[in-house]
Structures are given as C-alpha cells and as structure tokens.
Amino acid sequence: MEYPNPKIRFYRERTFGEKLNITFDYLRENWRPLLRFSLYLILPLCLIQSFFLNRFMVNTLTDLPSEGDFASDIFPILLSQIVGLFCCYMAGYILLSALIYGLMQTYERRDGGLRGIAFSEFSGTLLRMSGRSLSLMLFGLFIGILLGVAVAAPAFMISSWTLLVSLPLLCIVLLLIASPMWLFPPLYLLGGRPFFPALGQSFRWGFRAWFEVFGLMIVFGLIGSIVNMITYLPWSILTFIGQDLSLVSDVSLMDTFWYQLTSYILGIIQSYGYYISQVIALTGIAFEYFHLREKHEGITAHADIASFSQL
C-alpha cells in the first residue's frame, strides 16, 4: 500500500541549499498537473509564436532587399513580426506566472495538494492570478520605457557621448533593483497585498537579502538555460543549415514544404521549452518569498497561535 507524501510546508525559514532542494521536491511532486495545465495554456500560444519566429528568421536571413528598398518593403513586415513575437512572450509570461503561482496557492489551501485536481477547481484562481500578472507586465513595460527614455533622451538632446555615462549608470541601477524586482511577482501574486504596498515590501526585503536572492536566481537561471538549450539547439541548427544551403544553391531549401513544416514543429518545441525552463526560477523565487515572509512576519507562529486559541 502506497502512502502519500506529506504536503510541503511553504512558510518556513530555510538555508540556501534547502531552498534549492525544496524547489525540486515541489516540482518532482507536482510535475504532472504542471505539465498538463501548461499544455492546455502554453502550447496553443507556442503554435502562434513559432509562426512569427520562423517568418522573422526567413525574412531576416534570406529575404532582405537592397538597401534602398528596405524601409518600404521589408521593414513593415519585420516590425509586425517583432510585435507579434513580443506579444506572444508577454502573453506567455502572464499565463506561466499565473499558472505556477495559482497552483502553489491551490496546493497550500487544498487538502491533498494538487493530487487529482481538475481544471474547474483551479480556473477561478487562474483567472484572478492572470489579472494580477497582467498588472505586473504593464508595470514592467512602463519601467522599461521610462529607463529607455532616460538613457536615450540625453543622447538625442545633448550628444551621443552621454551614452558613455548613461549606459553604465543604467547597468548599475538594473543590478541594484534586480533582487527586489525578482521578489515582486511572488510577493504580489501570493501575498494578497495591494500593488504598491507589495512593491514597497519587495524593495525592503529585496535589499536586505540582495545577495541571497541574486545568488538563488543565478543558480536557477543556469539550470533553466540548460533546459532551454536542449530544445533550442535543434531549431537553431536547422535554421542555419537552411540558410547556408540556400546561399550555395540556386533553389532555396527554406522555401520547401518539408523544411518549413520541420522548422515550424521545432519552433513549437523551442518555444514551449523556453517557457518550461522558466518554471524552475519562478518556483524557486517563490520559496525565497516564503522564507523571507516567515523570517520577517512569522506566518507559521501566528497560525499556530490562532489554532491553539480555537481549542
């Protein structure tokens, strides 16, 4: 007779190594619902993303016109494909973060964790998380535009030499706010706080644990990049082989049906692999949030006191 493993306790202070272990323990325990729901939500998006990705590569590698015709012929097409890819990545982040943190919230609240969970039990949480994740994405776009203007405006208004100062300053600013901004999504999505109080809290906790958060994300980023590389290599190898053979042959291999079909399928795998590679980091930073909240607010102690008072 098989006995189910006890549920993982989220709110607990952990060492650096314990956070790595508990992240993989959680993923190993719940990989089936994660995979099933990601196929429902992310794979249809990958079908569209692969189309934009392959058309963009074909236009940039083989269909570039002469210099004088670039703006009138190919630039609008490339721009539309870049916008399409960007929208796909935005939608993918919204869906993936909502899926991961929605499942974690459901795991904590549901008896038996995610074992035997149906989509109907999870759809309400997913919808709520998607709305919050959209707010995060719009805020990130606003900050990105603001930083871009801050760097580009002096270069246009004064001199391009100002980039020698503004670009290093931008790198320093991005490095300083990296840990708080990584901590912000789980704190906002899982913490139940309003947007700006959650943002302020992420900076307070993120600066205090800057090296801890940064080191954790470096480790998970390296692991995720290996996973991403496995799915990225077949598509990239096929793309550059098609380009090289098209340059030495009168007949373009990239225009054949079988090449386009294979490239499209590998593009789907590559796109889906990219999102799967992000699961590790998004899950790991959530356990860092659980650690910091337990450390600063004592969630478990308060819950134990409340349970004892009801006896």
C-alpha atoms as a PDB file:
ATOM      1  CA  MET A   1       0.000   0.000   0.000  1.00  0.00           C
ATOM      2  CA  GLU A   2       1.363   3.428  -1.016  1.00  0.00           C
ATOM      3  CA  TYR A   3       1.154   6.302   1.421  1.00  0.00           C
ATOM      4  CA  PRO A   4       1.061   9.846   0.043  1.00  0.00           C
ATOM      5  CA  ASN A   5       3.938  12.134   0.939  1.00  0.00           C
ATOM      6  CA  PRO A   6       3.113  14.867   3.464  1.00  0.00           C
ATOM      7  CA  LYS A   7       2.408  18.275   1.977  1.00  0.00           C
ATOM      8  CA  ILE A   8       5.363  20.600   1.671  1.00  0.00           C
ATOM      9  CA  ARG A   9       5.288  23.356   4.244  1.00  0.00           C
ATOM     10  CA  PHE A  10       5.738  26.632   2.393  1.00  0.00           C
ATOM     11  CA  TYR A  11       6.274  29.184   5.152  1.00  0.00           C
ATOM     12  CA  ARG A  12       9.496  28.161   6.808  1.00  0.00           C
ATOM     13  CA  GLU A  13      12.956  29.645   7.199  1.00  0.00           C
ATOM     14  CA  ARG A  14      15.420  27.739   5.017  1.00  0.00           C
ATOM     15  CA  THR A  15      19.095  27.870   4.158  1.00  0.00           C
ATOM     16  CA  PHE A  16      20.295  28.458   0.596  1.00  0.00           C
ATOM     17  CA  GLY A  17      20.725  24.747  -0.057  1.00  0.00           C
ATOM     18  CA  GLU A  18      17.361  23.898   1.491  1.00  0.00           C
ATOM     19  CA  LYS A  19      15.646  26.328  -0.893  1.00  0.00           C
ATOM     20  CA  LEU A  20      17.241  24.567  -3.853  1.00  0.00           C
ATOM     21  CA  ASN A  21      16.171  21.167  -2.537  1.00  0.00           C
ATOM     22  CA  ILE A  22      12.603  22.158  -1.666  1.00  0.00           C
ATOM     23  CA  THR A  23      12.130  23.731  -5.110  1.00  0.00           C
ATOM     24  CA  PHE A  24      12.976  20.478  -6.860  1.00  0.00           C
ATOM     25  CA  ASP A  25      10.990  18.464  -4.291  1.00  0.00           C
ATOM     26  CA  TYR A  26       7.907  20.546  -5.081  1.00  0.00           C
ATOM     27  CA  LEU A  27       8.405  20.235  -8.852  1.00  0.00           C
ATOM     28  CA  ARG A  28       9.027  16.499  -8.590  1.00  0.00           C
ATOM     29  CA  GLU A  29       5.845  16.039  -6.570  1.00  0.00           C
ATOM     30  CA  ASN A  30       3.640  18.186  -8.808  1.00  0.00           C
ATOM     31  CA  TRP A  31       5.124  17.846 -12.285  1.00  0.00           C
ATOM     32  CA  ARG A  32       2.047  16.067 -13.667  1.00  0.00           C
ATOM     33  CA  PRO A  33      -0.514  18.868 -13.053  1.00  0.00           C
ATOM     34  CA  LEU A  34       2.111  21.449 -14.028  1.00  0.00           C
ATOM     35  CA  LEU A  35       2.765  19.678 -17.327  1.00  0.00           C
ATOM     36  CA  ARG A  36      -0.924  19.028 -18.023  1.00  0.00           C
ATOM     37  CA  PHE A  37      -2.090  22.584 -17.402  1.00  0.00           C
ATOM     38  CA  SER A  38       0.908  24.095 -19.209  1.00  0.00           C
ATOM     39  CA  LEU A  39      -0.013  22.036 -22.269  1.00  0.00           C
ATOM     40  CA  TYR A  40      -3.560  23.416 -22.069  1.00  0.00           C
ATOM     41  CA  LEU A  41      -2.459  27.041 -21.673  1.00  0.00           C
ATOM     42  CA  ILE A  42       1.040  27.490 -23.100  1.00  0.00           C
ATOM     43  CA  LEU A  43       1.158  25.073 -26.050  1.00  0.00           C
ATOM     44  CA  PRO A  44      -1.585  26.860 -28.086  1.00  0.00           C
ATOM     45  CA  LEU A  45       0.376  30.085 -27.648  1.00  0.00           C
ATOM     46  CA  CYS A  46       3.532  28.312 -28.894  1.00  0.00           C
ATOM     47  CA  LEU A  47       1.728  27.432 -32.135  1.00  0.00           C
ATOM     48  CA  ILE A  48       1.350  31.152 -32.859  1.00  0.00           C
ATOM     49  CA  GLN A  49       4.778  32.083 -31.524  1.00  0.00           C
ATOM     50  CA  SER A  50       6.513  29.539 -33.754  1.00  0.00           C
ATOM     51  CA  PHE A  51       4.847  31.054 -36.822  1.00  0.00           C
ATOM     52  CA  PHE A  52       6.093  34.575 -36.015  1.00  0.00           C
ATOM     53  CA  LEU A  53       9.539  33.258 -35.074  1.00  0.00           C
ATOM     54  CA  ASN A  54      10.069  31.319 -38.302  1.00  0.00           C
ATOM     55  CA  ARG A  55       8.741  34.059 -40.558  1.00  0.00           C
ATOM     56  CA  PHE A  56      11.012  36.552 -38.822  1.00  0.00           C
ATOM     57  CA  MET A  57      14.058  34.318 -39.347  1.00  0.00           C
ATOM     58  CA  VAL A  58      13.217  33.710 -43.016  1.00  0.00           C
ATOM     59  CA  ASN A  59      12.776  37.436 -43.683  1.00  0.00           C
ATOM     60  CA  THR A  60      15.975  38.432 -41.893  1.00  0.00           C
ATOM     61  CA  LEU A  61      18.169  35.652 -43.321  1.00  0.00           C
ATOM     62  CA  THR A  62      17.012  35.250 -46.912  1.00  0.00           C
ATOM     63  CA  ASP A  63      14.508  37.903 -47.952  1.00  0.00           C
ATOM     64  CA  LEU A  64      16.384  41.150 -47.229  1.00  0.00           C
ATOM     65  CA  PRO A  65      16.067  43.504 -50.232  1.00  0.00           C
ATOM     66  CA  SER A  66      18.553  46.085 -51.401  1.00  0.00           C
ATOM     67  CA  GLU A  67      19.366  48.957 -49.062  1.00  0.00           C
ATOM     68  CA  GLY A  68      17.179  51.499 -50.817  1.00  0.00           C
ATOM     69  CA  ASP A  69      14.074  49.305 -50.696  1.00  0.00           C
ATOM     70  CA  PHE A  70      14.473  48.219 -47.068  1.00  0.00           C
ATOM     71  CA  ALA A  71      12.186  50.777 -45.431  1.00  0.00           C
ATOM     72  CA  SER A  72       9.395  50.418 -47.991  1.00  0.00           C
ATOM     73  CA  ASP A  73       9.465  46.641 -48.492  1.00  0.00           C
ATOM     74  CA  ILE A  74      10.690  44.536 -45.618  1.00  0.00           C
ATOM     75  CA  PHE A  75      10.707  46.850 -42.598  1.00  0.00           C
ATOM     76  CA  PRO A  76       6.901  46.880 -42.049  1.00  0.00           C
ATOM     77  CA  ILE A  77       6.853  43.070 -42.307  1.00  0.00           C
ATOM     78  CA  LEU A  78       9.732  42.679 -39.844  1.00  0.00           C
ATOM     79  CA  LEU A  79       8.127  45.173 -37.471  1.00  0.00           C
ATOM     80  CA  SER A  80       4.827  43.282 -37.487  1.00  0.00           C
ATOM     81  CA  GLN A  81       6.638  40.011 -36.775  1.00  0.00           C
ATOM     82  CA  ILE A  82       8.659  41.560 -33.939  1.00  0.00           C
ATOM     83  CA  VAL A  83       5.478  42.965 -32.410  1.00  0.00           C
ATOM     84  CA  GLY A  84       3.797  39.577 -32.788  1.00  0.00           C
ATOM     85  CA  LEU A  85       6.721  37.818 -31.055  1.00  0.00           C
ATOM     86  CA  PHE A  86       6.761  40.402 -28.286  1.00  0.00           C
ATOM     87  CA  CYS A  87       3.025  39.993 -27.667  1.00  0.00           C
ATOM     88  CA  CYS A  88       3.470  36.204 -27.533  1.00  0.00           C
ATOM     89  CA  TYR A  89       6.235  36.481 -24.943  1.00  0.00           C
ATOM     90  CA  MET A  90       4.113  38.876 -22.896  1.00  0.00           C
ATOM     91  CA  ALA A  91       1.107  36.554 -23.002  1.00  0.00           C
ATOM     92  CA  GLY A  92       3.370  33.601 -22.192  1.00  0.00           C
ATOM     93  CA  TYR A  93       4.761  35.289 -19.094  1.00  0.00           C
ATOM     94  CA  ILE A  94       1.278  36.238 -17.898  1.00  0.00           C
ATOM     95  CA  LEU A  95      -0.069  32.720 -18.356  1.00  0.00           C
ATOM     96  CA  LEU A  96       3.011  30.975 -16.946  1.00  0.00           C
ATOM     97  CA  SER A  97       3.297  33.083 -13.798  1.00  0.00           C
ATOM     98  CA  ALA A  98      -0.466  32.829 -13.209  1.00  0.00           C
ATOM     99  CA  LEU A  99      -0.280  29.055 -13.669  1.00  0.00           C
ATOM    100  CA  ILE A 100       2.696  28.476 -11.362  1.00  0.00           C
ATOM    101  CA  TYR A 101       1.603  30.756  -8.531  1.00  0.00           C
ATOM    102  CA  GLY A 102      -2.049  29.797  -8.893  1.00  0.00           C
ATOM    103  CA  LEU A 103      -1.116  26.134  -8.499  1.00  0.00           C
ATOM    104  CA  MET A 104       1.083  26.930  -5.498  1.00  0.00           C
ATOM    105  CA  GLN A 105      -1.758  28.801  -3.827  1.00  0.00           C
ATOM    106  CA  THR A 106      -4.139  25.938  -4.577  1.00  0.00           C
ATOM    107  CA  TYR A 107      -1.596  23.402  -3.288  1.00  0.00           C
ATOM    108  CA  GLU A 108      -1.407  25.220   0.037  1.00  0.00           C
ATOM    109  CA  ARG A 109      -5.168  25.563   0.512  1.00  0.00           C
ATOM    110  CA  ARG A 110      -6.429  22.262  -0.897  1.00  0.00           C
ATOM    111  CA  ASP A 111      -6.471  19.018   1.050  1.00  0.00           C
ATOM    112  CA  GLY A 112      -4.222  16.566  -0.734  1.00  0.00           C
ATOM    113  CA  GLY A 113      -2.302  19.311  -2.538  1.00  0.00           C
ATOM    114  CA  LEU A 114      -2.595  19.065  -6.325  1.00  0.00           C
ATOM    115  CA  ARG A 115      -3.286  15.330  -6.380  1.00  0.00           C
ATOM    116  CA  GLY A 116      -6.268  14.634  -8.656  1.00  0.00           C
ATOM    117  CA  ILE A 117      -7.014  18.315  -9.251  1.00  0.00           C
ATOM    118  CA  ALA A 118      -9.401  19.210 -12.096  1.00  0.00           C
ATOM    119  CA  PHE A 119      -9.187  22.373 -14.161  1.00  0.00           C
ATOM    120  CA  SER A 120     -12.594  23.524 -12.874  1.00  0.00           C
ATOM    121  CA  GLU A 121     -11.185  23.620  -9.334  1.00  0.00           C
ATOM    122  CA  PHE A 122      -8.355  25.841 -10.492  1.00  0.00           C
ATOM    123  CA  SER A 123      -9.935  28.098 -13.128  1.00  0.00           C
ATOM    124  CA  GLY A 124     -11.092  30.815 -10.719  1.00  0.00           C
ATOM    125  CA  THR A 125      -7.658  31.135  -9.140  1.00  0.00           C
ATOM    126  CA  LEU A 126      -6.025  31.124 -12.575  1.00  0.00           C
ATOM    127  CA  LEU A 127      -8.246  33.959 -13.789  1.00  0.00           C
ATOM    128  CA  ARG A 128      -7.520  36.062 -10.707  1.00  0.00           C
ATOM    129  CA  MET A 129      -3.790  35.406 -10.980  1.00  0.00           C
ATOM    130  CA  SER A 130      -3.825  36.287 -14.689  1.00  0.00           C
ATOM    131  CA  GLY A 131      -5.286  39.711 -13.924  1.00  0.00           C
ATOM    132  CA  ARG A 132      -2.595  40.363 -11.321  1.00  0.00           C
ATOM    133  CA  SER A 133       0.115  39.064 -13.654  1.00  0.00           C
ATOM    134  CA  LEU A 134      -1.111  41.429 -16.372  1.00  0.00           C
ATOM    135  CA  SER A 135      -0.667  44.325 -13.929  1.00  0.00           C
ATOM    136  CA  LEU A 136       2.919  43.194 -13.340  1.00  0.00           C
ATOM    137  CA  MET A 137       3.605  43.020 -17.072  1.00  0.00           C
ATOM    138  CA  LEU A 138       2.204  46.519 -17.728  1.00  0.00           C
ATOM    139  CA  PHE A 139       4.239  47.896 -14.843  1.00  0.00           C
ATOM    140  CA  GLY A 140       7.380  46.235 -16.231  1.00  0.00           C
ATOM    141  CA  LEU A 141       6.724  47.766 -19.657  1.00  0.00           C
ATOM    142  CA  PHE A 142       6.267  51.201 -18.089  1.00  0.00           C
ATOM    143  CA  ILE A 143       9.553  50.915 -16.162  1.00  0.00           C
ATOM    144  CA  GLY A 144      11.344  49.667 -19.289  1.00  0.00           C
ATOM    145  CA  ILE A 145      10.082  52.601 -21.377  1.00  0.00           C
ATOM    146  CA  LEU A 146      10.971  55.042 -18.596  1.00  0.00           C
ATOM    147  CA  LEU A 147      14.540  53.744 -18.347  1.00  0.00           C
ATOM    148  CA  GLY A 148      14.886  53.713 -22.138  1.00  0.00           C
ATOM    149  CA  VAL A 149      13.803  57.352 -22.379  1.00  0.00           C
ATOM    150  CA  ALA A 150      16.137  58.309 -19.534  1.00  0.00           C
ATOM    151  CA  VAL A 151      19.075  56.831 -21.465  1.00  0.00           C
ATOM    152  CA  ALA A 152      18.099  57.881 -24.994  1.00  0.00           C
ATOM    153  CA  ALA A 153      16.903  61.452 -24.310  1.00  0.00           C
ATOM    154  CA  PRO A 154      20.330  62.890 -23.357  1.00  0.00           C
ATOM    155  CA  ALA A 155      21.897  61.154 -26.364  1.00  0.00           C
ATOM    156  CA  PHE A 156      19.450  62.845 -28.768  1.00  0.00           C
ATOM    157  CA  MET A 157      19.231  66.205 -26.997  1.00  0.00           C
ATOM    158  CA  ILE A 158      22.865  66.727 -25.991  1.00  0.00           C
ATOM    159  CA  SER A 159      25.344  64.256 -27.520  1.00  0.00           C
ATOM    160  CA  SER A 160      25.744  60.564 -28.177  1.00  0.00           C
ATOM    161  CA  TRP A 161      28.790  60.721 -25.890  1.00  0.00           C
ATOM    162  CA  THR A 162      26.381  60.863 -22.950  1.00  0.00           C
ATOM    163  CA  LEU A 163      25.809  57.138 -23.545  1.00  0.00           C
ATOM    164  CA  LEU A 164      29.270  56.543 -22.056  1.00  0.00           C
ATOM    165  CA  VAL A 165      27.827  57.720 -18.747  1.00  0.00           C
ATOM    166  CA  SER A 166      24.146  56.792 -19.013  1.00  0.00           C
ATOM    167  CA  LEU A 167      24.640  53.167 -20.090  1.00  0.00           C
ATOM    168  CA  PRO A 168      26.955  52.234 -17.170  1.00  0.00           C
ATOM    169  CA  LEU A 169      24.581  54.037 -14.789  1.00  0.00           C
ATOM    170  CA  LEU A 170      21.659  52.067 -16.250  1.00  0.00           C
ATOM    171  CA  CYS A 171      23.528  48.782 -15.715  1.00  0.00           C
ATOM    172  CA  ILE A 172      24.227  49.723 -12.089  1.00  0.00           C
ATOM    173  CA  VAL A 173      20.580  50.660 -11.482  1.00  0.00           C
ATOM    174  CA  LEU A 174      19.346  47.414 -13.068  1.00  0.00           C
ATOM    175  CA  LEU A 175      21.791  45.420 -10.967  1.00  0.00           C
ATOM    176  CA  LEU A 176      20.677  47.138  -7.762  1.00  0.00           C
ATOM    177  CA  ILE A 177      16.961  46.631  -8.345  1.00  0.00           C
ATOM    178  CA  ALA A 178      17.315  43.091  -9.745  1.00  0.00           C
ATOM    179  CA  SER A 179      16.690  41.263  -6.466  1.00  0.00           C
ATOM    180  CA  PRO A 180      13.676  43.374  -5.373  1.00  0.00           C
ATOM    181  CA  MET A 181      12.107  43.086  -8.828  1.00  0.00           C
ATOM    182  CA  TRP A 182      12.589  39.306  -8.883  1.00  0.00           C
ATOM    183  CA  LEU A 183      10.925  39.134  -5.491  1.00  0.00           C
ATOM    184  CA  PHE A 184       7.997  41.344  -6.500  1.00  0.00           C
ATOM    185  CA  PRO A 185       5.923  38.829  -8.572  1.00  0.00           C
ATOM    186  CA  PRO A 186       5.557  36.121  -5.884  1.00  0.00           C
ATOM    187  CA  LEU A 187       5.059  38.735  -3.178  1.00  0.00           C
ATOM    188  CA  TYR A 188       2.236  40.397  -5.142  1.00  0.00           C
ATOM    189  CA  LEU A 189       0.636  37.243  -6.540  1.00  0.00           C
ATOM    190  CA  LEU A 190       0.869  35.083  -3.416  1.00  0.00           C
ATOM    191  CA  GLY A 191       0.929  37.631  -0.620  1.00  0.00           C
ATOM    192  CA  GLY A 192      -2.541  39.096  -1.101  1.00  0.00           C
ATOM    193  CA  ARG A 193      -1.240  42.672  -0.795  1.00  0.00           C
ATOM    194  CA  PRO A 194      -2.302  45.605  -2.985  1.00  0.00           C
ATOM    195  CA  PHE A 195       0.060  46.503  -5.820  1.00  0.00           C
ATOM    196  CA  PHE A 196       2.103  49.391  -4.430  1.00  0.00           C
ATOM    197  CA  PRO A 197       2.390  48.092  -0.830  1.00  0.00           C
ATOM    198  CA  ALA A 198       3.655  44.817  -2.337  1.00  0.00           C
ATOM    199  CA  LEU A 199       6.155  46.759  -4.455  1.00  0.00           C
ATOM    200  CA  GLY A 200       7.445  48.645  -1.415  1.00  0.00           C
ATOM    201  CA  GLN A 201       7.717  45.426   0.576  1.00  0.00           C
ATOM    202  CA  SER A 202       9.661  43.728  -2.210  1.00  0.00           C
ATOM    203  CA  PHE A 203      12.249  46.527  -2.132  1.00  0.00           C
ATOM    204  CA  ARG A 204      12.559  46.417   1.658  1.00  0.00           C
ATOM    205  CA  TRP A 205      13.027  42.653   1.753  1.00  0.00           C
ATOM    206  CA  GLY A 206      14.920  42.503  -1.545  1.00  0.00           C
ATOM    207  CA  PHE A 207      17.631  44.964  -0.489  1.00  0.00           C
ATOM    208  CA  ARG A 208      18.109  43.207   2.856  1.00  0.00           C
ATOM    209  CA  ALA A 209      18.517  39.818   1.152  1.00  0.00           C
ATOM    210  CA  TRP A 210      20.070  41.119  -2.088  1.00  0.00           C
ATOM    211  CA  PHE A 211      22.936  38.611  -2.338  1.00  0.00           C
ATOM    212  CA  GLU A 212      20.703  35.735  -1.256  1.00  0.00           C
ATOM    213  CA  VAL A 213      18.057  36.445  -3.908  1.00  0.00           C
ATOM    214  CA  PHE A 214      20.607  37.246  -6.610  1.00  0.00           C
ATOM    215  CA  GLY A 215      22.601  34.068  -5.969  1.00  0.00           C
ATOM    216  CA  LEU A 216      19.472  31.935  -5.994  1.00  0.00           C
ATOM    217  CA  MET A 217      18.314  33.351  -9.320  1.00  0.00           C
ATOM    218  CA  ILE A 218      21.769  32.895 -10.861  1.00  0.00           C
ATOM    219  CA  VAL A 219      21.715  29.193  -9.954  1.00  0.00           C
ATOM    220  CA  PHE A 220      18.169  28.666 -11.224  1.00  0.00           C
ATOM    221  CA  GLY A 221      18.933  30.730 -14.317  1.00  0.00           C
ATOM    222  CA  LEU A 222      21.870  28.479 -15.191  1.00  0.00           C
ATOM    223  CA  ILE A 223      19.760  25.344 -14.732  1.00  0.00           C
ATOM    224  CA  GLY A 224      16.941  26.839 -16.811  1.00  0.00           C
ATOM    225  CA  SER A 225      19.350  27.837 -19.580  1.00  0.00           C
ATOM    226  CA  ILE A 226      20.487  24.219 -19.905  1.00  0.00           C
ATOM    227  CA  VAL A 227      16.866  23.076 -20.268  1.00  0.00           C
ATOM    228  CA  ASN A 228      16.214  25.845 -22.788  1.00  0.00           C
ATOM    229  CA  MET A 229      19.345  24.971 -24.778  1.00  0.00           C
ATOM    230  CA  ILE A 230      18.191  21.372 -25.218  1.00  0.00           C
ATOM    231  CA  THR A 231      15.025  22.493 -27.024  1.00  0.00           C
ATOM    232  CA  TYR A 232      16.649  25.489 -28.747  1.00  0.00           C
ATOM    233  CA  LEU A 233      19.540  23.698 -30.482  1.00  0.00           C
ATOM    234  CA  PRO A 234      17.552  21.540 -32.967  1.00  0.00           C
ATOM    235  CA  TRP A 235      15.596  24.543 -34.273  1.00  0.00           C
ATOM    236  CA  SER A 236      18.656  26.821 -34.496  1.00  0.00           C
ATOM    237  CA  ILE A 237      20.783  24.157 -36.221  1.00  0.00           C
ATOM    238  CA  LEU A 238      18.066  23.525 -38.810  1.00  0.00           C
ATOM    239  CA  THR A 239      17.641  27.269 -39.394  1.00  0.00           C
ATOM    240  CA  PHE A 240      21.312  27.946 -40.069  1.00  0.00           C
ATOM    241  CA  ILE A 241      21.718  24.808 -42.187  1.00  0.00           C
ATOM    242  CA  GLY A 242      18.787  26.011 -44.294  1.00  0.00           C
ATOM    243  CA  GLN A 243      20.395  29.435 -44.607  1.00  0.00           C
ATOM    244  CA  ASP A 244      23.810  28.078 -45.624  1.00  0.00           C
ATOM    245  CA  LEU A 245      22.387  25.666 -48.209  1.00  0.00           C
ATOM    246  CA  SER A 246      20.204  28.431 -49.658  1.00  0.00           C
ATOM    247  CA  LEU A 247      23.275  30.627 -50.157  1.00  0.00           C
ATOM    248  CA  VAL A 248      25.204  27.983 -52.137  1.00  0.00           C
ATOM    249  CA  SER A 249      22.278  26.566 -54.097  1.00  0.00           C
ATOM    250  CA  ASP A 250      20.012  28.020 -56.757  1.00  0.00           C
ATOM    251  CA  VAL A 251      16.965  26.520 -55.032  1.00  0.00           C
ATOM    252  CA  SER A 252      16.215  27.850 -51.551  1.00  0.00           C
ATOM    253  CA  LEU A 253      15.831  24.993 -49.077  1.00  0.00           C
ATOM    254  CA  MET A 254      13.923  27.336 -46.759  1.00  0.00           C
ATOM    255  CA  ASP A 255      11.109  27.580 -49.321  1.00  0.00           C
ATOM    256  CA  THR A 256      10.413  23.843 -49.440  1.00  0.00           C
ATOM    257  CA  PHE A 257       7.358  22.399 -47.716  1.00  0.00           C
ATOM    258  CA  TRP A 258       9.203  19.794 -45.622  1.00  0.00           C
ATOM    259  CA  TYR A 259      11.748  22.302 -44.365  1.00  0.00           C
ATOM    260  CA  GLN A 260       9.043  24.763 -43.349  1.00  0.00           C
ATOM    261  CA  LEU A 261       7.000  22.047 -41.642  1.00  0.00           C
ATOM    262  CA  THR A 262      10.028  20.714 -39.732  1.00  0.00           C
ATOM    263  CA  SER A 263      11.098  24.219 -38.789  1.00  0.00           C
ATOM    264  CA  TYR A 264       7.584  25.047 -37.562  1.00  0.00           C
ATOM    265  CA  ILE A 265       7.400  21.907 -35.380  1.00  0.00           C
ATOM    266  CA  LEU A 266      10.870  22.511 -33.936  1.00  0.00           C
ATOM    267  CA  GLY A 267       9.877  26.143 -33.337  1.00  0.00           C
ATOM    268  CA  ILE A 268       6.915  24.963 -31.275  1.00  0.00           C
ATOM    269  CA  ILE A 269       9.206  22.700 -29.233  1.00  0.00           C
ATOM    270  CA  GLN A 270      11.726  25.520 -28.814  1.00  0.00           C
ATOM    271  CA  SER A 271       9.051  27.983 -27.666  1.00  0.00           C
ATOM    272  CA  TYR A 272       7.492  25.521 -25.241  1.00  0.00           C
ATOM    273  CA  GLY A 273      10.938  24.578 -23.913  1.00  0.00           C
ATOM    274  CA  TYR A 274      11.678  28.239 -23.225  1.00  0.00           C
ATOM    275  CA  TYR A 275       8.604  28.570 -21.002  1.00  0.00           C
ATOM    276  CA  ILE A 276       9.290  25.264 -19.250  1.00  0.00           C
ATOM    277  CA  SER A 277      12.826  26.456 -18.492  1.00  0.00           C
ATOM    278  CA  GLN A 278      11.351  29.449 -16.632  1.00  0.00           C
ATOM    279  CA  VAL A 279       9.319  27.221 -14.295  1.00  0.00           C
ATOM    280  CA  ILE A 280      12.335  26.420 -12.112  1.00  0.00           C
ATOM    281  CA  ALA A 281      13.255  30.062 -11.456  1.00  0.00           C
ATOM    282  CA  LEU A 282       9.652  31.186 -10.871  1.00  0.00           C
ATOM    283  CA  THR A 283       9.116  28.355  -8.397  1.00  0.00           C
ATOM    284  CA  GLY A 284      12.454  28.922  -6.660  1.00  0.00           C
ATOM    285  CA  ILE A 285      11.883  32.639  -6.087  1.00  0.00           C
ATOM    286  CA  ALA A 286       8.508  31.780  -4.553  1.00  0.00           C
ATOM    287  CA  PHE A 287      10.251  29.687  -1.904  1.00  0.00           C
ATOM    288  CA  GLU A 288      12.594  32.610  -1.271  1.00  0.00           C
ATOM    289  CA  TYR A 289       9.497  34.748  -0.680  1.00  0.00           C
ATOM    290  CA  PHE A 290       8.073  32.144   1.724  1.00  0.00           C
ATOM    291  CA  HIS A 291      11.387  32.145   3.599  1.00  0.00           C
ATOM    292  CA  LEU A 292      11.532  35.951   3.866  1.00  0.00           C
ATOM    293  CA  ARG A 293       7.918  36.301   4.925  1.00  0.00           C
ATOM    294  CA  GLU A 294       8.332  33.687   7.645  1.00  0.00           C
ATOM    295  CA  LYS A 295      11.535  35.389   8.753  1.00  0.00           C
ATOM    296  CA  HIS A 296      10.038  38.885   8.967  1.00  0.00           C
ATOM    297  CA  GLU A 297       6.384  38.211   9.808  1.00  0.00           C
ATOM    298  CA  GLY A 298       6.332  34.786  11.463  1.00  0.00           C
ATOM    299  CA  ILE A 299       3.381  33.414   9.499  1.00  0.00           C
ATOM    300  CA  THR A 300       3.668  29.921  10.984  1.00  0.00           C
ATOM    301  CA  ALA A 301       3.844  31.200  14.566  1.00  0.00           C
ATOM    302  CA  HIS A 302       0.726  33.328  14.075  1.00  0.00           C
ATOM    303  CA  ALA A 303      -1.139  30.397  12.531  1.00  0.00           C
ATOM    304  CA  ASP A 304      -0.131  28.116  15.433  1.00  0.00           C
ATOM    305  CA  ILE A 305      -1.307  30.681  17.987  1.00  0.00           C
ATOM    306  CA  ALA A 306      -4.630  31.083  16.157  1.00  0.00           C
ATOM    307  CA  SER A 307      -5.118  27.300  16.042  1.00  0.00           C
ATOM    308  CA  PHE A 308      -4.279  26.953  19.739  1.00  0.00           C
ATOM    309  CA  SER A 309      -6.734  29.706  20.708  1.00  0.00           C
ATOM    310  CA  GLN A 310      -9.558  27.816  18.944  1.00  0.00           C
ATOM    311  CA  LEU A 311      -9.039  24.681  21.054  1.00  0.00           C
END
